[in-house]
N, C-alpha and C. Protein backbone atom coordinates (compact mmCIF):
# COMPACT_ATOMS: atom_id res chain seq x y z
N MET A 1 0.84 -1.17 0.04
CA MET A 1 0.02 0.02 0.00
C MET A 1 0.88 1.24 -0.04
N ASN A 2 0.48 2.22 -0.71
CA ASN A 2 1.26 3.42 -0.85
C ASN A 2 1.02 4.28 0.39
N ILE A 3 2.15 4.49 1.18
CA ILE A 3 1.99 5.27 2.50
C ILE A 3 1.79 6.79 2.22
N PHE A 4 2.10 7.22 1.03
CA PHE A 4 1.92 8.58 0.67
C PHE A 4 0.47 8.88 0.15
N SER A 5 -0.37 7.93 0.20
CA SER A 5 -1.79 8.08 -0.21
C SER A 5 -2.54 9.06 0.72
N ASN A 6 -3.48 9.78 0.26
CA ASN A 6 -4.36 10.64 1.15
C ASN A 6 -5.33 9.81 1.96
N LYS A 7 -5.47 8.49 1.66
CA LYS A 7 -6.38 7.67 2.42
C LYS A 7 -5.65 7.19 3.65
N LYS A 8 -6.44 6.86 4.72
CA LYS A 8 -5.87 6.42 5.95
C LYS A 8 -5.44 4.95 5.79
N SER A 9 -4.28 4.77 6.46
CA SER A 9 -3.76 3.39 6.45
C SER A 9 -4.17 2.78 7.76
N ILE A 10 -4.31 1.40 7.64
CA ILE A 10 -4.67 0.69 8.86
C ILE A 10 -3.57 0.69 9.84
N ASN A 11 -2.34 0.71 9.44
CA ASN A 11 -1.11 0.60 10.30
C ASN A 11 -0.52 1.99 10.56
N GLY A 12 -0.98 3.08 10.09
CA GLY A 12 -0.30 4.39 10.30
C GLY A 12 -1.17 5.61 10.04
N PHE A 13 -0.46 6.76 9.76
CA PHE A 13 -1.17 8.00 9.45
C PHE A 13 -0.77 8.38 8.01
N THR A 14 -1.64 9.16 7.46
CA THR A 14 -1.41 9.72 6.15
C THR A 14 -0.39 10.83 6.26
N LEU A 15 0.25 11.27 5.16
CA LEU A 15 1.15 12.29 5.12
C LEU A 15 0.60 13.58 5.59
N ILE A 16 -0.69 13.82 5.14
CA ILE A 16 -1.35 15.07 5.49
C ILE A 16 -1.56 15.20 7.01
N GLU A 17 -1.95 14.03 7.62
CA GLU A 17 -2.12 14.06 9.05
C GLU A 17 -0.90 14.35 9.83
N ILE A 18 0.22 13.70 9.31
CA ILE A 18 1.55 13.94 9.93
C ILE A 18 1.97 15.42 9.83
N LEU A 19 1.77 15.96 8.66
CA LEU A 19 2.11 17.36 8.45
C LEU A 19 1.31 18.28 9.27
N VAL A 20 0.03 18.05 9.40
CA VAL A 20 -0.85 18.83 10.29
C VAL A 20 -0.40 18.73 11.77
N ALA A 21 -0.16 17.59 12.21
CA ALA A 21 0.32 17.30 13.58
C ALA A 21 1.60 18.04 13.83
N VAL A 22 2.58 17.96 12.86
CA VAL A 22 3.91 18.68 13.08
C VAL A 22 3.70 20.21 13.10
N THR A 23 2.82 20.70 12.24
CA THR A 23 2.47 22.15 12.20
C THR A 23 1.84 22.57 13.53
N ILE A 24 0.94 21.86 14.05
CA ILE A 24 0.32 22.20 15.32
C ILE A 24 1.33 22.17 16.45
N LEU A 25 2.19 21.12 16.45
CA LEU A 25 3.20 21.01 17.47
C LEU A 25 4.16 22.16 17.40
N SER A 26 4.54 22.61 16.20
CA SER A 26 5.42 23.71 16.05
C SER A 26 4.87 25.08 16.61
N VAL A 27 3.55 25.19 16.28
CA VAL A 27 2.84 26.41 16.82
C VAL A 27 2.77 26.46 18.39
N VAL A 28 2.48 25.30 18.89
CA VAL A 28 2.45 25.15 20.37
C VAL A 28 3.79 25.43 21.03
N LEU A 29 4.91 24.78 20.41
CA LEU A 29 6.22 24.89 21.00
C LEU A 29 6.68 26.39 20.90
N THR A 30 6.35 27.00 19.75
CA THR A 30 6.72 28.43 19.56
C THR A 30 6.02 29.33 20.60
N ALA A 31 4.82 29.06 20.87
CA ALA A 31 4.08 29.81 21.83
C ALA A 31 4.60 29.60 23.21
N ILE A 32 4.96 28.36 23.55
CA ILE A 32 5.55 28.09 24.93
C ILE A 32 6.89 28.78 25.04
N TYR A 33 7.74 28.68 23.97
CA TYR A 33 9.04 29.23 23.99
C TYR A 33 8.95 30.74 24.11
N SER A 34 8.05 31.40 23.45
CA SER A 34 7.90 32.88 23.51
C SER A 34 7.41 33.22 24.95
N THR A 35 6.46 32.52 25.42
CA THR A 35 5.97 32.85 26.77
C THR A 35 6.99 32.72 27.85
N PHE A 36 7.81 31.69 27.71
CA PHE A 36 8.95 31.41 28.68
C PHE A 36 9.82 32.57 28.71
N PHE A 37 10.31 33.11 27.55
CA PHE A 37 11.25 34.15 27.49
C PHE A 37 10.64 35.53 27.88
N LEU A 38 9.39 35.70 27.65
CA LEU A 38 8.71 36.87 28.06
C LEU A 38 8.59 36.90 29.55
N LEU A 39 8.35 35.78 30.18
CA LEU A 39 8.17 35.76 31.66
C LEU A 39 9.62 35.91 32.26
N GLN A 40 10.57 35.31 31.61
CA GLN A 40 11.98 35.39 32.10
C GLN A 40 12.46 36.96 32.04
N ARG A 41 12.13 37.56 30.94
CA ARG A 41 12.49 39.03 30.79
C ARG A 41 11.73 39.89 31.79
N ALA A 42 10.44 39.60 32.02
CA ALA A 42 9.68 40.35 33.02
C ALA A 42 10.25 40.17 34.38
N THR A 43 10.69 38.95 34.75
CA THR A 43 11.22 38.62 36.06
C THR A 43 12.55 39.40 36.26
N GLU A 44 13.35 39.39 35.21
CA GLU A 44 14.71 40.13 35.29
C GLU A 44 14.44 41.63 35.51
N ASN A 45 13.49 42.12 34.72
CA ASN A 45 13.15 43.61 34.87
C ASN A 45 12.66 43.90 36.22
N SER A 46 11.77 43.04 36.74
CA SER A 46 11.20 43.22 38.13
C SER A 46 12.29 43.18 39.14
N ASP A 47 13.22 42.19 39.02
CA ASP A 47 14.35 42.10 39.93
C ASP A 47 15.20 43.44 39.93
N GLU A 48 15.47 43.85 38.74
CA GLU A 48 16.24 45.11 38.59
C GLU A 48 15.54 46.29 39.30
N SER A 49 14.27 46.39 39.05
CA SER A 49 13.52 47.44 39.67
C SER A 49 13.52 47.33 41.16
N ILE A 50 13.28 46.18 41.78
CA ILE A 50 13.30 46.04 43.11
C ILE A 50 14.66 46.34 43.75
N THR A 51 15.73 45.93 43.09
CA THR A 51 17.09 46.20 43.54
C THR A 51 17.36 47.67 43.59
N LYS A 52 17.01 48.35 42.51
CA LYS A 52 17.22 49.87 42.45
C LYS A 52 16.46 50.55 43.58
N ILE A 53 15.24 50.19 43.84
CA ILE A 53 14.43 50.82 44.89
C ILE A 53 15.04 50.50 46.19
N GLN A 54 15.52 49.32 46.44
CA GLN A 54 16.17 49.01 47.70
C GLN A 54 17.44 49.74 47.96
N GLU A 55 18.24 49.91 46.77
CA GLU A 55 19.44 50.69 46.94
C GLU A 55 19.18 52.15 47.31
N ALA A 56 18.09 52.70 46.66
CA ALA A 56 17.72 54.09 46.86
C ALA A 56 17.28 54.27 48.41
N ARG A 57 16.40 53.35 48.81
CA ARG A 57 15.92 53.49 50.23
C ARG A 57 17.07 53.37 51.23
N LYS A 58 17.95 52.46 50.98
CA LYS A 58 19.16 52.29 51.85
C LYS A 58 19.98 53.57 51.93
N ALA A 59 20.18 54.18 50.73
CA ALA A 59 21.00 55.43 50.71
C ALA A 59 20.31 56.55 51.47
N ILE A 60 18.99 56.64 51.30
CA ILE A 60 18.26 57.73 52.02
C ILE A 60 18.30 57.46 53.46
N GLU A 61 18.09 56.23 53.86
CA GLU A 61 18.12 55.90 55.31
C GLU A 61 19.46 56.26 55.97
N ILE A 62 20.56 55.97 55.23
CA ILE A 62 21.93 56.31 55.81
C ILE A 62 21.99 57.82 55.98
N ILE A 63 21.65 58.58 54.96
CA ILE A 63 21.77 60.10 55.05
C ILE A 63 20.89 60.58 56.18
N ARG A 64 19.69 60.09 56.28
CA ARG A 64 18.72 60.58 57.23
C ARG A 64 19.27 60.28 58.64
N CYS A 65 19.71 59.15 58.94
CA CYS A 65 20.31 58.79 60.31
C CYS A 65 21.46 59.74 60.62
N GLU A 66 22.39 59.96 59.62
CA GLU A 66 23.51 60.80 59.93
C GLU A 66 23.16 62.22 60.15
N LEU A 67 22.12 62.66 59.36
CA LEU A 67 21.68 64.12 59.53
C LEU A 67 20.95 64.30 60.83
N GLU A 68 20.29 63.28 61.30
CA GLU A 68 19.63 63.41 62.64
C GLU A 68 20.62 63.45 63.84
N SER A 69 21.89 63.07 63.51
CA SER A 69 22.98 63.18 64.51
C SER A 69 23.84 64.35 64.25
N ALA A 70 23.40 65.25 63.36
CA ALA A 70 24.24 66.44 62.93
C ALA A 70 24.53 67.26 64.18
N VAL A 71 25.71 67.84 64.17
CA VAL A 71 26.16 68.72 65.30
C VAL A 71 26.55 70.09 64.83
N PHE A 72 25.87 71.13 65.43
CA PHE A 72 26.39 72.45 65.18
C PHE A 72 26.23 73.24 66.51
N ASN A 73 27.35 73.83 66.83
CA ASN A 73 27.43 74.77 68.01
C ASN A 73 28.48 75.73 67.85
N GLU A 74 28.15 77.02 68.05
CA GLU A 74 29.15 78.11 67.78
C GLU A 74 30.36 77.97 68.67
N ASN A 75 30.19 77.27 69.70
CA ASN A 75 31.32 77.09 70.74
C ASN A 75 32.19 75.86 70.41
N ILE A 76 31.75 75.00 69.40
CA ILE A 76 32.51 73.88 69.00
C ILE A 76 33.07 74.16 67.61
N LYS A 77 34.36 74.16 67.63
CA LYS A 77 35.09 74.64 66.38
C LYS A 77 34.76 73.73 65.14
N ASP A 78 34.58 74.36 64.10
CA ASP A 78 34.39 73.70 62.79
C ASP A 78 33.11 72.90 62.60
N THR A 79 32.23 72.99 63.59
CA THR A 79 30.87 72.36 63.42
C THR A 79 30.04 73.20 62.40
N GLN A 80 29.34 72.44 61.60
CA GLN A 80 28.60 73.19 60.49
C GLN A 80 27.51 72.31 59.87
N ILE A 81 26.58 73.05 59.19
CA ILE A 81 25.72 72.34 58.24
C ILE A 81 25.58 73.35 57.04
N LYS A 82 26.03 72.83 55.87
CA LYS A 82 25.99 73.71 54.70
C LYS A 82 25.23 72.88 53.58
N ILE A 83 24.29 73.53 52.88
CA ILE A 83 23.56 72.97 51.77
C ILE A 83 23.74 73.92 50.57
N LYS A 84 24.29 73.38 49.55
CA LYS A 84 24.56 74.10 48.38
C LYS A 84 23.68 73.66 47.18
N ASP A 85 23.02 74.64 46.51
CA ASP A 85 22.10 74.38 45.47
C ASP A 85 22.84 74.27 44.16
N LYS A 86 23.07 73.08 43.64
CA LYS A 86 23.73 72.88 42.37
C LYS A 86 22.85 72.06 41.43
N ASP A 87 23.27 72.06 40.11
CA ASP A 87 22.57 71.12 39.15
C ASP A 87 23.53 70.72 38.19
N TYR A 88 23.15 69.55 37.46
CA TYR A 88 23.93 68.94 36.40
C TYR A 88 23.07 68.83 35.21
N TYR A 89 23.27 69.78 34.31
CA TYR A 89 22.43 69.86 33.07
C TYR A 89 21.00 69.83 33.37
N GLY A 90 20.61 70.70 34.33
CA GLY A 90 19.16 70.79 34.69
C GLY A 90 18.66 69.81 35.65
N LYS A 91 19.50 68.77 36.05
CA LYS A 91 19.14 67.84 37.04
C LYS A 91 19.65 68.29 38.45
N PRO A 92 18.80 68.22 39.52
CA PRO A 92 19.30 68.68 40.78
C PRO A 92 20.47 67.84 41.26
N ALA A 93 21.48 68.54 41.84
CA ALA A 93 22.75 67.88 42.25
C ALA A 93 23.23 68.60 43.52
N SER A 94 22.36 68.62 44.56
CA SER A 94 22.71 69.27 45.78
C SER A 94 23.97 68.74 46.35
N GLN A 95 24.64 69.56 47.14
CA GLN A 95 25.79 69.18 47.96
C GLN A 95 25.52 69.59 49.45
N ILE A 96 25.74 68.60 50.31
CA ILE A 96 25.49 68.93 51.70
C ILE A 96 26.81 68.56 52.50
N ILE A 97 27.23 69.41 53.38
CA ILE A 97 28.42 69.28 54.17
C ILE A 97 27.97 69.44 55.70
N PHE A 98 28.28 68.54 56.55
CA PHE A 98 27.82 68.72 57.91
C PHE A 98 28.71 67.84 58.85
N THR A 99 28.77 68.28 60.10
CA THR A 99 29.50 67.58 61.12
C THR A 99 28.52 66.64 61.88
N THR A 100 28.97 65.44 62.21
CA THR A 100 28.04 64.56 62.81
C THR A 100 28.88 63.41 63.55
N PHE A 101 28.13 62.55 64.21
CA PHE A 101 28.77 61.32 64.79
C PHE A 101 28.39 60.22 63.87
N THR A 102 29.38 59.38 63.46
CA THR A 102 29.15 58.30 62.60
C THR A 102 29.82 57.05 63.19
N SER A 103 29.24 55.91 62.97
CA SER A 103 29.90 54.70 63.40
C SER A 103 31.09 54.29 62.69
N LEU A 104 31.43 54.95 61.50
CA LEU A 104 32.57 54.61 60.69
C LEU A 104 33.90 55.15 61.21
N LYS A 105 33.81 56.25 62.02
CA LYS A 105 35.01 56.87 62.61
C LYS A 105 34.72 57.32 64.07
N PRO A 106 35.65 57.21 64.94
CA PRO A 106 35.44 57.66 66.28
C PRO A 106 35.29 59.18 66.40
N GLY A 107 34.48 59.63 67.36
CA GLY A 107 34.32 61.03 67.56
C GLY A 107 33.55 61.77 66.47
N LEU A 108 33.76 63.11 66.45
CA LEU A 108 33.05 63.91 65.47
C LEU A 108 33.76 63.83 64.10
N SER A 109 32.89 63.74 63.05
CA SER A 109 33.35 63.67 61.66
C SER A 109 32.65 64.71 60.79
N LYS A 110 33.38 65.08 59.73
CA LYS A 110 32.73 65.91 58.69
C LYS A 110 32.28 65.07 57.49
N LEU A 111 31.04 65.07 57.18
CA LEU A 111 30.53 64.30 56.00
C LEU A 111 30.17 65.23 54.92
N SER A 112 30.38 64.73 53.67
CA SER A 112 29.92 65.46 52.48
C SER A 112 29.20 64.46 51.60
N TYR A 113 28.10 64.92 51.10
CA TYR A 113 27.37 64.19 50.05
C TYR A 113 27.30 65.04 48.86
N TYR A 114 27.72 64.47 47.64
CA TYR A 114 27.76 65.25 46.44
C TYR A 114 27.63 64.37 45.25
N ILE A 115 27.30 65.07 44.17
CA ILE A 115 27.07 64.31 42.88
C ILE A 115 28.21 64.50 41.90
N GLU A 116 28.67 63.43 41.22
CA GLU A 116 29.64 63.51 40.20
C GLU A 116 29.10 62.64 39.03
N GLU A 117 29.55 63.08 37.84
CA GLU A 117 29.28 62.31 36.62
C GLU A 117 30.30 61.20 36.47
N LYS A 118 29.88 59.97 36.28
CA LYS A 118 30.79 58.87 36.05
C LYS A 118 30.24 57.98 34.94
N ASP A 119 31.09 57.87 33.88
CA ASP A 119 30.67 57.06 32.73
C ASP A 119 29.25 57.53 32.17
N GLY A 120 29.09 58.77 32.14
CA GLY A 120 27.76 59.29 31.60
C GLY A 120 26.63 59.14 32.50
N ARG A 121 26.88 58.72 33.77
CA ARG A 121 25.79 58.52 34.71
C ARG A 121 26.08 59.32 36.06
N LEU A 122 25.04 59.79 36.70
CA LEU A 122 25.29 60.48 37.94
C LEU A 122 25.39 59.55 39.09
N THR A 123 26.43 59.82 39.89
CA THR A 123 26.73 59.01 41.05
C THR A 123 26.76 59.83 42.33
N LEU A 124 26.11 59.37 43.35
CA LEU A 124 26.07 60.06 44.68
C LEU A 124 27.20 59.53 45.51
N TYR A 125 28.10 60.45 45.95
CA TYR A 125 29.27 60.07 46.68
C TYR A 125 29.18 60.56 48.17
N ARG A 126 29.80 59.83 49.07
CA ARG A 126 29.92 60.29 50.53
C ARG A 126 31.40 60.31 50.78
N LYS A 127 31.80 61.47 51.41
CA LYS A 127 33.15 61.61 51.94
C LYS A 127 33.09 61.87 53.39
N ILE A 128 33.99 61.14 54.11
CA ILE A 128 34.03 61.16 55.56
C ILE A 128 35.39 61.68 55.95
N GLU A 129 35.49 62.68 56.75
CA GLU A 129 36.75 63.20 57.35
C GLU A 129 36.73 63.23 58.82
N SER A 130 37.69 62.71 59.52
CA SER A 130 37.73 62.77 61.00
C SER A 130 38.02 64.12 61.45
N MET A 131 37.37 64.60 62.45
CA MET A 131 37.67 65.98 63.07
C MET A 131 38.73 65.88 64.07
N LEU A 132 39.02 64.62 64.61
CA LEU A 132 39.91 64.49 65.75
C LEU A 132 41.32 64.04 65.34
N SER A 133 41.57 63.68 64.17
CA SER A 133 42.80 63.24 63.64
C SER A 133 43.08 63.58 62.21
N ASP A 134 44.29 63.33 61.77
CA ASP A 134 44.68 63.66 60.42
C ASP A 134 44.60 62.45 59.50
N GLU A 135 43.60 61.53 59.80
CA GLU A 135 43.43 60.37 59.05
C GLU A 135 43.02 60.71 57.59
N THR A 136 43.42 59.79 56.70
CA THR A 136 43.06 59.98 55.29
C THR A 136 41.55 59.99 55.18
N GLU A 137 40.97 60.88 54.39
CA GLU A 137 39.49 60.94 54.17
C GLU A 137 39.02 59.68 53.51
N ASN A 138 37.85 59.28 53.71
CA ASN A 138 37.26 58.02 53.18
C ASN A 138 36.16 58.47 52.24
N THR A 139 36.30 58.16 50.92
CA THR A 139 35.36 58.49 49.88
C THR A 139 34.80 57.24 49.24
N ALA A 140 33.49 57.16 49.06
CA ALA A 140 32.90 56.03 48.43
C ALA A 140 31.60 56.40 47.70
N ASP A 141 31.34 55.65 46.67
CA ASP A 141 30.04 55.97 45.95
C ASP A 141 28.92 55.26 46.73
N LEU A 142 27.80 55.97 46.87
CA LEU A 142 26.69 55.41 47.63
C LEU A 142 25.68 54.76 46.79
N ILE A 143 25.38 55.41 45.64
CA ILE A 143 24.46 54.88 44.70
C ILE A 143 24.73 55.45 43.28
N GLU A 144 24.69 54.57 42.20
CA GLU A 144 25.05 54.99 40.90
C GLU A 144 23.78 55.06 40.02
N GLY A 145 23.90 55.72 38.97
CA GLY A 145 22.81 55.74 37.93
C GLY A 145 21.56 56.43 38.40
N ILE A 146 21.68 57.58 39.06
CA ILE A 146 20.48 58.34 39.51
C ILE A 146 20.22 59.50 38.65
N GLU A 147 19.03 60.04 38.79
CA GLU A 147 18.69 61.21 37.95
C GLU A 147 18.77 62.56 38.72
N GLY A 148 19.00 62.48 40.01
CA GLY A 148 19.12 63.72 40.72
C GLY A 148 19.10 63.50 42.22
N PHE A 149 19.67 64.52 42.95
CA PHE A 149 19.82 64.47 44.40
C PHE A 149 19.45 65.89 44.87
N LEU A 150 18.43 66.07 45.65
CA LEU A 150 18.00 67.36 46.11
C LEU A 150 17.86 67.37 47.62
N ILE A 151 18.52 68.40 48.24
CA ILE A 151 18.42 68.54 49.71
C ILE A 151 17.77 69.88 49.94
N GLU A 152 16.79 69.90 50.89
CA GLU A 152 16.10 71.20 51.12
C GLU A 152 15.98 71.27 52.74
N ALA A 153 16.07 72.55 53.22
CA ALA A 153 15.97 72.82 54.59
C ALA A 153 14.70 73.59 54.88
N GLN A 154 14.14 73.34 55.97
CA GLN A 154 12.80 74.02 56.35
C GLN A 154 13.24 75.35 57.02
N PHE A 155 12.68 76.45 56.49
CA PHE A 155 12.93 77.76 57.02
C PHE A 155 11.61 78.60 57.05
N GLU A 156 11.07 78.78 58.25
CA GLU A 156 9.82 79.53 58.42
C GLU A 156 8.75 79.01 57.50
N ASP A 157 8.38 77.77 57.62
CA ASP A 157 7.32 77.05 56.87
C ASP A 157 7.64 76.98 55.39
N LYS A 158 8.85 77.28 54.90
CA LYS A 158 9.17 77.12 53.57
C LYS A 158 10.33 76.17 53.43
N TRP A 159 10.53 75.55 52.26
CA TRP A 159 11.68 74.69 51.94
C TRP A 159 12.58 75.43 51.04
N VAL A 160 13.78 75.57 51.56
CA VAL A 160 14.86 76.27 50.78
C VAL A 160 15.97 75.37 50.35
N LYS A 161 16.67 75.70 49.28
CA LYS A 161 17.64 74.82 48.71
C LYS A 161 19.03 75.17 49.15
N THR A 162 19.22 76.15 50.07
CA THR A 162 20.57 76.50 50.53
C THR A 162 20.42 76.75 52.08
N TRP A 163 21.55 76.50 52.71
CA TRP A 163 21.64 76.73 54.15
C TRP A 163 23.15 76.82 54.54
N ASP A 164 23.41 77.74 55.49
CA ASP A 164 24.77 77.84 55.97
C ASP A 164 24.77 78.30 57.41
N THR A 165 25.17 77.37 58.30
CA THR A 165 25.12 77.78 59.67
C THR A 165 26.06 78.92 60.05
N GLY A 166 26.99 79.17 59.19
CA GLY A 166 27.89 80.34 59.34
C GLY A 166 27.12 81.67 59.16
N ILE A 167 25.96 81.61 58.44
CA ILE A 167 25.14 82.81 58.25
C ILE A 167 23.82 82.69 59.11
N ASN A 168 23.16 81.49 59.10
CA ASN A 168 21.95 81.32 59.86
C ASN A 168 22.10 81.14 61.36
N TYR A 169 23.34 80.65 61.76
CA TYR A 169 23.67 80.47 63.18
C TYR A 169 22.81 79.45 63.92
N ASN A 170 22.12 78.60 63.16
CA ASN A 170 21.31 77.57 63.77
C ASN A 170 21.06 76.44 62.76
N ILE A 171 20.54 75.32 63.34
CA ILE A 171 20.28 74.11 62.61
C ILE A 171 18.84 74.14 62.08
N PRO A 172 18.63 73.66 60.83
CA PRO A 172 17.30 73.66 60.34
C PRO A 172 16.34 72.67 61.17
N GLU A 173 15.12 73.03 61.30
CA GLU A 173 14.18 72.18 62.03
C GLU A 173 14.08 70.82 61.36
N GLN A 174 13.99 70.89 60.05
CA GLN A 174 13.87 69.65 59.24
C GLN A 174 14.71 69.77 57.95
N ILE A 175 15.18 68.58 57.50
CA ILE A 175 15.96 68.57 56.29
C ILE A 175 15.26 67.47 55.38
N ARG A 176 14.91 67.89 54.18
CA ARG A 176 14.25 66.92 53.31
C ARG A 176 15.26 66.40 52.25
N ILE A 177 15.21 65.08 52.16
CA ILE A 177 16.17 64.36 51.26
C ILE A 177 15.40 63.83 50.07
N ASN A 178 15.69 64.16 48.88
CA ASN A 178 15.05 63.61 47.67
C ASN A 178 16.00 62.97 46.76
N LEU A 179 15.75 61.78 46.50
CA LEU A 179 16.61 60.95 45.63
C LEU A 179 15.79 60.51 44.31
N ILE A 180 16.22 61.00 43.20
CA ILE A 180 15.51 60.66 41.92
C ILE A 180 16.22 59.75 41.06
N PHE A 181 15.41 58.78 40.59
CA PHE A 181 16.04 57.76 39.70
C PHE A 181 14.98 57.27 38.71
N LYS A 182 15.40 56.45 37.72
CA LYS A 182 14.45 55.99 36.77
C LYS A 182 14.28 54.46 36.72
N ILE A 183 13.11 54.02 36.58
CA ILE A 183 12.84 52.53 36.41
C ILE A 183 11.95 52.43 35.19
N LYS A 184 12.44 51.72 34.12
CA LYS A 184 11.73 51.51 32.87
C LYS A 184 11.31 52.84 32.28
N ASP A 185 12.22 53.81 32.23
CA ASP A 185 11.97 55.17 31.68
C ASP A 185 10.93 55.97 32.44
N ARG A 186 10.58 55.51 33.64
CA ARG A 186 9.64 56.27 34.56
C ARG A 186 10.43 56.86 35.63
N GLU A 187 10.31 58.24 35.88
CA GLU A 187 11.11 58.84 36.95
C GLU A 187 10.36 58.69 38.23
N ILE A 188 11.19 58.30 39.25
CA ILE A 188 10.63 58.03 40.65
C ILE A 188 11.49 58.93 41.54
N THR A 189 10.78 59.54 42.52
CA THR A 189 11.40 60.28 43.63
C THR A 189 11.11 59.68 44.95
N LEU A 190 12.16 59.29 45.70
CA LEU A 190 12.02 58.84 47.08
C LEU A 190 12.40 60.02 47.96
N THR A 191 11.53 60.18 49.02
CA THR A 191 11.74 61.39 49.86
C THR A 191 11.73 60.88 51.30
N ASP A 192 12.58 61.47 52.11
CA ASP A 192 12.52 61.26 53.58
C ASP A 192 12.93 62.56 54.26
N ILE A 193 12.54 62.68 55.50
CA ILE A 193 12.81 63.85 56.22
C ILE A 193 13.57 63.60 57.50
N ALA A 194 14.74 64.31 57.68
CA ALA A 194 15.50 64.18 58.82
C ALA A 194 15.27 65.40 59.86
N LYS A 195 15.28 65.03 61.17
CA LYS A 195 15.05 66.06 62.09
C LYS A 195 16.27 66.05 63.05
N PRO A 196 17.18 66.93 62.74
CA PRO A 196 18.40 67.04 63.61
C PRO A 196 18.04 67.22 65.07
N MET A 197 18.63 66.34 65.93
CA MET A 197 18.26 66.39 67.40
C MET A 197 19.29 66.99 68.31
N TYR A 198 20.48 67.36 67.80
CA TYR A 198 21.47 67.86 68.66
C TYR A 198 21.07 69.17 69.33
N GLY A 199 21.20 69.20 70.66
CA GLY A 199 20.87 70.46 71.37
C GLY A 199 19.42 70.63 71.55
N LYS A 200 18.57 69.67 71.20
CA LYS A 200 17.06 69.88 71.41
C LYS A 200 16.70 68.86 72.60
N SER A 201 15.74 69.34 73.36
CA SER A 201 15.18 68.55 74.44
C SER A 201 14.30 67.40 73.91
N ILE A 202 14.40 66.27 74.50
CA ILE A 202 13.66 65.08 74.05
C ILE A 202 12.32 64.96 74.87
């Protein structure tokens, strides 16, 4: 019997049936393959987004804790809080310099947070200098690939972008920290508020 006949064989399938089955199987496998890679890509993007948000939250938490321990006293030499309003091609790039107590160095330290461009991306840096010794300063990047860093101080119910204890002679009641970054081309701003406690009654 001719196996290539369009009629059904008692012992097998016709060529048309085999071709139809192979075609259906190919369509199903292609759909499964595409779905698998779409899910894999979505999972990877989700993981990257979660990681970026966690990094930003951690960075803001570090800055807030150190600002809440900020020290300024006219009778204590070199203590200060300075906020400088800067930008990088229209993106906020504040700089803040303040004296505080940190677990990374004994005694009083001077901390600086500032933005620099690195490989075409904005990076937030932290520099720590000991006020008690001539130790080498410690500089490290805190978070890379951000869209902006904005520090504001509360002054008479307004938020201002500059502050200098050498002019104001006091500490701001509150300091607002804004960290701006992108996830999937969508701009996100994380915000936290630090309330410096030095010299205030609890």
